[in-house]
């Protein structure tokens, strides 16, 4: 039986970030390099943060545009990407509403709507307490939207868009299902935003982002930069975890571990460990992503557009060519569905192309290359039930030195930077505990 101090399951952002951090923490405290093994079921690293290069186009599995709040983290990554051109892009994001492009976030730019829609949104925002009732706590994500923004904004964008995205009843989601990623705005924000700032630009949500010209995989390469090749074992899938004896079984071997860190979806972790859990508490959506390459340029300047219209199959599209300054339109297009739903990819592609043509995104363009990937899970459904059950079971796992991390291990809504912050914090805690036990 093999034995390691730290067994990491998954060579995505979370797993690779933890491996880097635990090595750095050991060096910081003057201890020998810890034994770290990363097992990855796929034949290559990255998880959902993979990049496809095809027919002269560069696409990711989905739109990965990086909003770093901590410049030190971004600097650390860039130092490990020698020669890579990393663009800092001032974001231009739109909402397509009845054939018109409105600046995102919609709720702060209702003054750009047709006059009748603008007045209705503004009036229902002002009188939202009378509409919804001022008393009581927000009971759900849907209730939060109505209470904070009123019927006009909710029904024109926030409800239909998020129903397309999450593919569920928004009343089932927790009011804070999107946490800090939901762009809130009050009446003062909305009115203030009606007047352009002195530099001519309105205040924007996540105003800029970073993107490497080699695609999102460059961030994975940065996380692999300091790690020896022998630390990662590919095509090795975790099958079970013996919590009592701290032994993991893969499709290749048994591995005794001191601590196990996994970014696998939380229900999968529970099943692997044989832990009794409420499976129905953990629901999610599925996202089908089309990466599309065309023979000529399309609309310039915009980086992505949201589509609340339910007669369209997709909820969002993004323009790689407007980030990379290439001369052919390169899009990603996302379709939300219930987890487990089967897609007829050719049928969906035809619907996407028809929708893009209807909205004027393509006009005489010829599709010259395409790629698709289905992600399941994609966005997890954060509910009161999932929060309670995750907290209960996660405590049991941690008592056996099993740590579920990342978006899917934590069953949460978070950024790639959040994954790095989380796993660095975990590494510091485990290194400190290891030092105390010496």
Protein backbone atom coordinates (compact mmCIF):
# COMPACT_ATOMS: atom_id res chain seq x y z
CA UNK A 1 0.00 0.00 0.00
CA UNK A 2 1.24 3.46 -0.89
CA UNK A 3 1.24 6.11 1.79
CA UNK A 4 1.29 9.92 1.53
CA UNK A 5 0.87 12.78 3.93
CA UNK A 6 -1.48 14.67 1.62
CA UNK A 7 -3.65 12.97 -1.00
CA UNK A 8 -5.31 15.43 -3.39
CA UNK A 9 -8.22 14.31 -5.57
CA UNK A 10 -8.55 16.40 -8.73
CA UNK A 11 -5.94 18.33 -10.73
CA UNK A 12 -8.08 21.41 -11.24
CA UNK A 13 -7.57 24.87 -9.75
CA UNK A 14 -8.43 23.84 -6.19
CA UNK A 15 -6.31 20.70 -6.07
CA UNK A 16 -3.26 22.25 -7.72
CA UNK A 17 -3.55 25.38 -5.61
CA UNK A 18 -3.59 23.29 -2.42
CA UNK A 19 -0.54 21.30 -3.55
CA UNK A 20 1.41 24.52 -4.17
CA UNK A 21 0.29 26.03 -0.89
CA UNK A 22 1.10 23.04 1.32
CA UNK A 23 4.62 22.85 -0.17
CA UNK A 24 5.12 26.59 0.39
CA UNK A 25 3.82 26.36 3.96
CA UNK A 26 6.26 23.56 4.78
CA UNK A 27 9.15 25.55 3.32
CA UNK A 28 8.04 28.61 5.26
CA UNK A 29 8.29 26.65 8.52
CA UNK A 30 11.63 25.07 7.61
CA UNK A 31 10.27 21.52 7.34
CA UNK A 32 11.07 18.91 4.73
CA UNK A 33 8.98 18.84 1.57
CA UNK A 34 5.71 17.06 2.39
CA UNK A 35 4.59 13.94 0.53
CA UNK A 36 1.86 15.10 -1.82
CA UNK A 37 0.10 12.97 -4.44
CA UNK A 38 -2.56 14.31 -6.81
CA UNK A 39 -4.81 11.74 -8.48
CA UNK A 40 -6.76 12.90 -11.53
CA UNK A 41 -9.39 10.77 -13.26
CA UNK A 42 -8.91 12.53 -16.59
CA UNK A 43 -5.92 12.17 -18.89
CA UNK A 44 -5.05 15.86 -18.47
CA UNK A 45 -5.28 18.56 -15.79
CA UNK A 46 -7.66 21.48 -15.48
CA UNK A 47 -11.11 20.12 -14.72
CA UNK A 48 -13.53 22.60 -16.30
CA UNK A 49 -10.64 25.03 -16.79
CA UNK A 50 -9.47 23.41 -20.04
CA UNK A 51 -8.74 25.07 -23.37
CA UNK A 52 -9.38 23.83 -26.91
CA UNK A 53 -7.26 25.04 -29.83
CA UNK A 54 -8.94 24.15 -33.10
CA UNK A 55 -8.76 25.49 -36.67
CA UNK A 56 -7.04 28.66 -35.52
CA UNK A 57 -9.54 29.33 -32.72
CA UNK A 58 -8.82 29.25 -28.98
CA UNK A 59 -11.76 28.33 -26.75
CA UNK A 60 -12.26 27.26 -23.15
CA UNK A 61 -14.72 24.69 -21.86
CA UNK A 62 -16.78 27.73 -20.89
CA UNK A 63 -16.27 31.45 -20.42
CA UNK A 64 -13.47 31.91 -17.89
CA UNK A 65 -12.77 35.61 -17.47
CA UNK A 66 -10.76 36.29 -14.35
CA UNK A 67 -11.71 39.05 -11.91
CA UNK A 68 -8.89 39.16 -9.35
CA UNK A 69 -9.58 41.09 -6.17
CA UNK A 70 -6.14 40.35 -4.68
CA UNK A 71 -3.34 41.65 -6.94
CA UNK A 72 -0.83 39.44 -5.12
CA UNK A 73 -2.59 36.29 -6.31
CA UNK A 74 -2.71 37.50 -9.90
CA UNK A 75 0.96 38.51 -9.70
CA UNK A 76 1.89 35.06 -8.31
CA UNK A 77 0.14 33.38 -11.24
CA UNK A 78 1.62 35.70 -13.86
CA UNK A 79 5.13 35.06 -12.56
CA UNK A 80 4.56 31.41 -13.47
CA UNK A 81 3.37 32.18 -17.00
CA UNK A 82 6.61 33.31 -18.68
CA UNK A 83 6.09 34.62 -22.19
CA UNK A 84 2.30 34.49 -21.95
CA UNK A 85 0.40 37.58 -23.08
CA UNK A 86 -2.20 38.27 -20.37
CA UNK A 87 -4.67 40.95 -21.40
CA UNK A 88 -6.29 43.31 -18.92
CA UNK A 89 -9.65 44.07 -20.49
CA UNK A 90 -12.13 46.81 -19.59
CA UNK A 91 -15.36 44.84 -19.65
CA UNK A 92 -18.24 45.73 -21.95
CA UNK A 93 -21.26 43.60 -21.12
CA UNK A 94 -24.80 43.91 -22.46
CA UNK A 95 -28.31 42.62 -21.85
CA UNK A 96 -30.36 42.02 -25.00
CA UNK A 97 -33.86 43.31 -24.28
CA UNK A 98 -36.43 43.33 -27.08
CA UNK A 99 -33.74 43.78 -29.71
CA UNK A 100 -31.95 46.56 -27.81
CA UNK A 101 -28.65 46.28 -25.95
CA UNK A 102 -28.79 47.55 -22.36
CA UNK A 103 -25.66 47.94 -20.25
CA UNK A 104 -25.17 45.32 -17.54
CA UNK A 105 -26.20 45.16 -14.77
CA UNK A 106 -29.74 45.64 -16.00
CA UNK A 107 -31.04 46.91 -12.65
CA UNK A 108 -28.66 49.87 -12.70
CA UNK A 109 -29.33 50.83 -16.30
CA UNK A 110 -33.10 50.84 -16.62
CA UNK A 111 -32.87 54.42 -17.89
CA UNK A 112 -31.65 52.93 -21.17
CA UNK A 113 -34.94 51.02 -21.64
CA UNK A 114 -37.77 52.20 -23.86
CA UNK A 115 -39.69 54.94 -22.04
CA UNK A 116 -42.69 52.79 -21.04
CA UNK A 117 -40.50 50.00 -19.67
CA UNK A 118 -38.28 52.48 -17.83
CA UNK A 119 -41.23 54.16 -16.11
CA UNK A 120 -42.76 50.82 -15.10
CA UNK A 121 -39.42 49.58 -13.68
CA UNK A 122 -38.82 52.83 -11.79
CA UNK A 123 -42.34 53.02 -10.35
CA UNK A 124 -42.38 49.38 -9.20
CA UNK A 125 -38.91 49.82 -7.71
CA UNK A 126 -40.04 52.85 -5.73
CA UNK A 127 -43.24 51.15 -4.55
CA UNK A 128 -41.76 47.66 -4.16
CA UNK A 129 -42.56 47.51 -0.44
CA UNK A 130 -46.24 48.13 -1.18
CA UNK A 131 -46.17 45.51 -3.93
CA UNK A 132 -44.39 42.81 -1.93
CA UNK A 133 -45.12 43.81 1.65
CA UNK A 134 -42.46 45.36 3.82
CA UNK A 135 -42.60 42.86 6.65
CA UNK A 136 -40.84 39.54 6.93
CA UNK A 137 -37.46 38.20 5.85
CA UNK A 138 -36.60 37.29 2.28
CA UNK A 139 -37.73 33.71 1.94
CA UNK A 140 -36.02 32.72 -1.33
CA UNK A 141 -33.86 33.96 -4.17
CA UNK A 142 -36.99 34.86 -6.13
CA UNK A 143 -38.52 36.65 -3.16
CA UNK A 144 -35.27 38.58 -2.67
CA UNK A 145 -35.35 39.79 -6.27
CA UNK A 146 -38.95 41.03 -6.02
CA UNK A 147 -38.43 42.65 -2.62
CA UNK A 148 -35.25 44.48 -3.58
CA UNK A 149 -36.01 45.47 -7.17
CA UNK A 150 -39.76 45.39 -7.66
CA UNK A 151 -41.87 43.61 -10.24
CA UNK A 152 -40.74 45.65 -13.29
CA UNK A 153 -37.03 44.82 -13.10
CA UNK A 154 -37.68 41.30 -11.80
CA UNK A 155 -40.04 40.26 -14.59
CA UNK A 156 -38.10 41.89 -17.42
CA UNK A 157 -34.69 40.44 -16.64
CA UNK A 158 -33.75 39.02 -13.24
CA UNK A 159 -36.40 36.30 -13.08
CA UNK A 160 -36.40 35.02 -16.69
CA UNK A 161 -32.62 35.17 -17.04
CA UNK A 162 -31.90 33.28 -13.82
CA UNK A 163 -34.62 30.72 -14.57
CA UNK A 164 -32.87 30.02 -17.88
CA UNK A 165 -29.52 29.81 -16.11
CA UNK A 166 -30.43 27.66 -13.08
CA UNK A 167 -33.18 25.61 -14.80
CA UNK A 168 -35.19 25.47 -11.58
CA UNK A 169 -37.85 27.27 -9.58
CA UNK A 170 -36.05 30.28 -8.09
CA UNK A 171 -38.27 29.99 -5.02
CA UNK A 172 -36.25 26.87 -4.13
CA UNK A 173 -32.95 28.78 -3.93
CA UNK A 174 -31.58 30.53 -0.86
CA UNK A 175 -31.82 34.35 -0.93
CA UNK A 176 -28.00 34.51 -0.95
CA UNK A 177 -27.58 31.77 -3.58
CA UNK A 178 -25.19 33.96 -5.58
CA UNK A 179 -23.57 35.72 -2.61
CA UNK A 180 -21.35 38.64 -3.53
CA UNK A 181 -21.67 37.79 -7.23
CA UNK A 182 -25.19 39.16 -7.43
CA UNK A 183 -24.95 42.84 -8.47
CA UNK A 184 -27.22 44.64 -6.02
CA UNK A 185 -28.40 48.22 -6.48
CA UNK A 186 -30.70 50.53 -4.56
CA UNK A 187 -32.69 53.49 -5.81
CA UNK A 188 -29.80 55.88 -5.17
CA UNK A 189 -27.42 53.69 -7.23
CA UNK A 190 -29.88 53.50 -10.09
CA UNK A 191 -30.56 57.23 -10.18
CA UNK A 192 -26.87 58.08 -9.81
CA UNK A 193 -26.06 55.79 -12.73
CA UNK A 194 -28.37 57.76 -15.03
CA UNK A 195 -25.72 60.45 -15.25
CA UNK A 196 -22.38 59.37 -16.82
CA UNK A 197 -19.31 59.81 -14.66
CA UNK A 198 -16.73 62.48 -15.47
CA UNK A 199 -14.73 60.04 -17.60
CA UNK A 200 -17.85 59.29 -19.63
CA UNK A 201 -18.36 55.78 -18.29
CA UNK A 202 -21.06 54.52 -15.98
CA UNK A 203 -20.02 52.48 -12.98
CA UNK A 204 -19.85 48.80 -13.94
CA UNK A 205 -20.00 45.48 -12.11
CA UNK A 206 -16.58 43.71 -12.17
CA UNK A 207 -15.33 46.51 -14.42
CA UNK A 208 -12.29 44.67 -15.79
CA UNK A 209 -10.99 41.14 -16.18
CA UNK A 210 -7.77 39.32 -17.06
CA UNK A 211 -7.45 36.80 -19.84
CA UNK A 212 -4.36 34.97 -21.19
CA UNK A 213 -4.12 34.74 -24.95
CA UNK A 214 -3.38 31.04 -24.64
CA UNK A 215 -6.72 30.45 -22.91
CA UNK A 216 -7.69 29.57 -19.36
CA UNK A 217 -5.40 26.52 -19.37
CA UNK A 218 -2.50 28.94 -18.89
CA UNK A 219 -3.63 29.45 -15.30
CA UNK A 220 -3.54 25.68 -14.82
CA UNK A 221 -0.05 25.62 -16.33
CA UNK A 222 0.94 28.32 -13.84
CA UNK A 223 -0.32 26.17 -10.96
CA UNK A 224 1.69 23.22 -12.34
CA UNK A 225 4.82 25.34 -12.84
CA UNK A 226 6.50 24.59 -9.49
CA UNK A 227 5.17 21.05 -9.06
CA UNK A 228 7.17 18.00 -10.17
CA UNK A 229 5.55 15.93 -12.92
CA UNK A 230 5.61 12.88 -10.66
CA UNK A 231 3.25 14.58 -8.20
CA UNK A 232 0.24 14.11 -10.53
CA UNK A 233 -1.10 10.69 -11.50
CA UNK A 234 -3.50 10.87 -14.46
CA UNK A 235 -6.23 8.38 -15.38
CA UNK A 236 -6.47 7.52 -11.70
CA UNK A 237 -10.01 7.68 -10.35
CA UNK A 238 -10.97 7.68 -6.68
CA UNK A 239 -13.39 4.84 -5.95
CA UNK A 240 -13.79 4.78 -2.19
CA UNK A 241 -12.54 6.27 1.07
CA UNK A 242 -12.18 4.27 4.29
CA UNK A 243 -12.64 7.03 6.86
CA UNK A 244 -11.81 4.88 9.88
CA UNK A 245 -8.46 3.69 8.53
CA UNK A 246 -7.77 6.74 6.35
CA UNK A 247 -7.24 4.70 3.20
CA UNK A 248 -8.36 5.70 -0.31
CA UNK A 249 -8.93 3.14 -3.05
CA UNK A 250 -8.51 4.17 -6.68
CA UNK A 251 -8.86 2.20 -9.90
CA UNK A 252 -5.12 1.49 -9.60
CA UNK A 253 -4.20 1.03 -5.92
CA UNK A 254 -4.82 1.67 -2.23
CA UNK A 255 -3.32 4.81 -0.68
CA UNK A 256 -3.01 5.54 3.02
CA UNK A 257 -3.24 9.29 3.72
CA UNK A 258 -2.76 11.74 6.52
CA UNK A 259 -5.16 14.26 4.97
CA UNK A 260 -7.30 13.99 1.84
CA UNK A 261 -8.29 17.12 -0.08
CA UNK A 262 -10.92 16.70 -2.80
CA UNK A 263 -12.63 19.03 -5.24
CA UNK A 264 -15.04 16.35 -6.47
CA UNK A 265 -18.77 17.14 -6.27
CA UNK A 266 -19.87 16.83 -2.65
CA UNK A 267 -22.49 14.09 -3.18
CA UNK A 268 -19.82 12.03 -4.95
CA UNK A 269 -17.47 12.53 -1.99
CA UNK A 270 -20.21 11.36 0.37
CA UNK A 271 -20.84 8.25 -1.70
CA UNK A 272 -17.12 7.47 -1.92
CA UNK A 273 -16.80 7.74 1.83
CA UNK A 274 -19.96 5.74 2.52
CA UNK A 275 -21.43 8.59 4.52
CA UNK A 276 -25.20 8.67 4.96
CA UNK A 277 -26.49 11.89 3.45
CA UNK A 278 -29.58 13.48 1.97
CA UNK A 279 -28.86 13.03 -1.74
CA UNK A 280 -31.93 15.07 -2.72
CA UNK A 281 -30.49 18.12 -0.92
CA UNK A 282 -27.82 18.52 -3.58
CA UNK A 283 -29.29 19.62 -6.89
CA UNK A 284 -27.69 21.54 -9.73
CA UNK A 285 -28.09 22.51 -13.35
CA UNK A 286 -26.34 21.28 -16.47
CA UNK A 287 -24.83 23.61 -19.06
CA UNK A 288 -24.24 22.79 -22.70
CA UNK A 289 -21.53 25.04 -24.14
CA UNK A 290 -21.00 25.62 -27.83
CA UNK A 291 -17.74 27.15 -29.00
CA UNK A 292 -18.32 28.56 -32.46
CA UNK A 293 -15.83 29.88 -35.03
CA UNK A 294 -17.01 31.90 -38.03
CA UNK A 295 -15.40 33.03 -41.26
CA UNK A 296 -15.53 36.77 -40.57
CA UNK A 297 -15.74 39.39 -37.85
CA UNK A 298 -18.99 40.20 -36.11
CA UNK A 299 -19.98 42.85 -33.63
CA UNK A 300 -16.97 44.61 -32.11
CA UNK A 301 -16.36 45.98 -28.64
CA UNK A 302 -18.76 43.80 -26.65
CA UNK A 303 -17.40 40.88 -24.56
CA UNK A 304 -20.56 39.07 -23.58
CA UNK A 305 -24.32 39.46 -23.74
CA UNK A 306 -27.14 38.11 -21.55
CA UNK A 307 -30.42 36.93 -23.11
CA UNK A 308 -33.46 36.74 -20.80
CA UNK A 309 -35.83 35.99 -23.72
CA UNK A 310 -37.16 32.46 -23.17
CA UNK A 311 -37.84 31.95 -26.87
CA UNK A 312 -34.05 31.76 -27.31
CA UNK A 313 -32.26 28.56 -26.20
CA UNK A 314 -29.17 30.28 -24.80
CA UNK A 315 -28.86 32.56 -21.78
CA UNK A 316 -25.42 34.02 -22.52
CA UNK A 317 -22.90 34.40 -25.31
CA UNK A 318 -19.31 35.64 -25.16
CA UNK A 319 -16.94 37.00 -27.82
CA UNK A 320 -13.40 35.61 -27.63
CA UNK A 321 -12.41 37.56 -30.76
CA UNK A 322 -13.09 40.89 -29.06
CA UNK A 323 -10.72 39.93 -26.25
CA UNK A 324 -8.00 38.52 -28.49
CA UNK A 325 -8.43 41.08 -31.27
CA UNK A 326 -8.74 38.41 -33.95
CA UNK A 327 -10.30 38.91 -37.39
CA UNK A 328 -12.88 36.10 -37.19
CA UNK A 329 -15.82 35.97 -34.80
CA UNK A 330 -15.27 33.42 -32.06
CA UNK A 331 -18.12 32.79 -29.62
CA UNK A 332 -19.07 30.71 -26.66
CA UNK A 333 -22.79 30.09 -26.22
CA UNK A 334 -24.33 28.61 -23.06
CA UNK A 335 -27.60 26.69 -22.62
CA UNK A 336 -28.89 25.83 -19.15
CA UNK A 337 -30.84 22.63 -18.43
CA UNK A 338 -31.77 20.32 -15.59
CA UNK A 339 -29.04 17.99 -14.37
CA UNK A 340 -29.10 14.70 -16.23
CA UNK A 341 -30.97 16.06 -19.24
CA UNK A 342 -29.84 14.54 -22.52
CA UNK A 343 -29.03 16.87 -25.41
CA UNK A 344 -29.40 16.30 -29.13
CA UNK A 345 -26.29 18.35 -29.90
CA UNK A 346 -26.96 18.78 -33.62
CA UNK A 347 -30.54 19.89 -32.91
CA UNK A 348 -29.36 22.32 -30.23
CA UNK A 349 -26.68 23.70 -32.56
CA UNK A 350 -29.29 24.40 -35.23
CA UNK A 351 -31.41 26.23 -32.64
CA UNK A 352 -28.43 28.26 -31.48
CA UNK A 353 -27.50 29.34 -34.99
CA UNK A 354 -31.11 30.30 -35.72
CA UNK A 355 -31.24 32.32 -32.48
CA UNK A 356 -27.96 34.07 -33.23
CA UNK A 357 -29.22 34.99 -36.68
CA UNK A 358 -32.53 36.26 -35.31
CA UNK A 359 -30.70 38.52 -32.86
CA UNK A 360 -28.32 39.83 -35.53
CA UNK A 361 -25.23 38.26 -33.95
CA UNK A 362 -24.55 36.44 -37.20
CA UNK A 363 -25.43 37.99 -40.55
CA UNK A 364 -24.14 36.12 -43.58
CA UNK A 365 -21.50 34.41 -41.40
CA UNK A 366 -20.35 30.89 -42.22
CA UNK A 367 -19.66 28.49 -39.36
CA UNK A 368 -16.19 27.07 -40.06
CA UNK A 369 -15.41 25.30 -36.77
CA UNK A 370 -17.25 24.28 -33.62
CA UNK A 371 -16.89 22.34 -30.42
CA UNK A 372 -19.31 21.47 -27.64
CA UNK A 373 -19.05 20.29 -24.05
CA UNK A 374 -21.73 19.49 -21.48
CA UNK A 375 -20.93 20.31 -17.86
CA UNK A 376 -22.90 18.46 -15.18
CA UNK A 377 -22.80 19.70 -12.48
CA UNK A 378 -22.41 23.29 -13.69
CA UNK A 379 -24.07 25.73 -11.27
CA UNK A 380 -25.08 24.18 -7.94
CA UNK A 381 -28.43 25.05 -6.38
CA UNK A 382 -27.76 26.65 -3.02
CA UNK A 383 -30.78 26.04 -0.83
CA UNK A 384 -31.49 26.06 2.89
CA UNK A 385 -31.56 22.27 2.69
CA UNK A 386 -28.20 22.01 0.91
CA UNK A 387 -26.54 24.47 3.29
CA UNK A 388 -27.71 22.54 6.35
CA UNK A 389 -26.84 19.11 4.97
CA UNK A 390 -23.44 20.20 3.66
CA UNK A 391 -22.58 21.71 7.02
CA UNK A 392 -23.58 18.54 8.88
CA UNK A 393 -21.80 16.03 6.64
CA UNK A 394 -18.76 18.21 6.02
CA UNK A 395 -18.08 18.31 9.76
CA UNK A 396 -18.07 14.48 9.83
CA UNK A 397 -15.66 14.29 6.92
CA UNK A 398 -13.29 16.84 8.44
CA UNK A 399 -13.20 14.83 11.65
CA UNK A 400 -11.64 12.08 9.50
CA UNK A 401 -9.22 14.50 7.79
CA UNK A 402 -11.19 14.62 4.53
CA UNK A 403 -11.58 18.16 3.18
CA UNK A 404 -14.05 18.94 0.41
CA UNK A 405 -13.06 22.17 -1.35
CA UNK A 406 -13.88 24.34 -4.35
CA UNK A 407 -17.19 25.12 -6.04
CA UNK A 408 -18.35 21.51 -6.10
CA UNK A 409 -16.72 20.20 -2.96
CA UNK A 410 -18.05 23.22 -1.08
CA UNK A 411 -21.33 23.09 -3.04
CA UNK A 412 -21.24 26.84 -3.43
CA UNK A 413 -20.99 29.74 -5.86
CA UNK A 414 -17.44 31.04 -6.03
CA UNK A 415 -14.70 32.29 -8.32
CA UNK A 416 -11.44 30.66 -9.31
CA UNK A 417 -9.65 33.17 -7.09
CA UNK A 418 -11.88 32.07 -4.19
CA UNK A 419 -10.69 28.49 -4.73
CA UNK A 420 -7.10 29.64 -4.43
CA UNK A 421 -7.80 31.66 -1.28
CA UNK A 422 -9.71 28.75 0.29
CA UNK A 423 -7.06 26.11 -0.38
CA UNK A 424 -4.22 28.37 0.74
CA UNK A 425 -6.05 28.91 4.02
CA UNK A 426 -6.61 25.17 4.41
CA UNK A 427 -2.94 24.45 3.70
CA UNK A 428 -1.87 26.98 6.34
CA UNK A 429 -4.18 25.36 8.89
CA UNK A 430 -3.02 21.81 8.14
CA UNK A 431 0.67 22.80 8.07
CA UNK A 432 0.28 24.52 11.41
CA UNK A 433 -1.44 21.47 12.88
CA UNK A 434 1.30 19.24 11.49
CA UNK A 435 3.95 21.45 13.09
CA UNK A 436 2.15 21.42 16.42
CA UNK A 437 2.10 17.63 16.41
CA UNK A 438 5.86 17.32 15.93
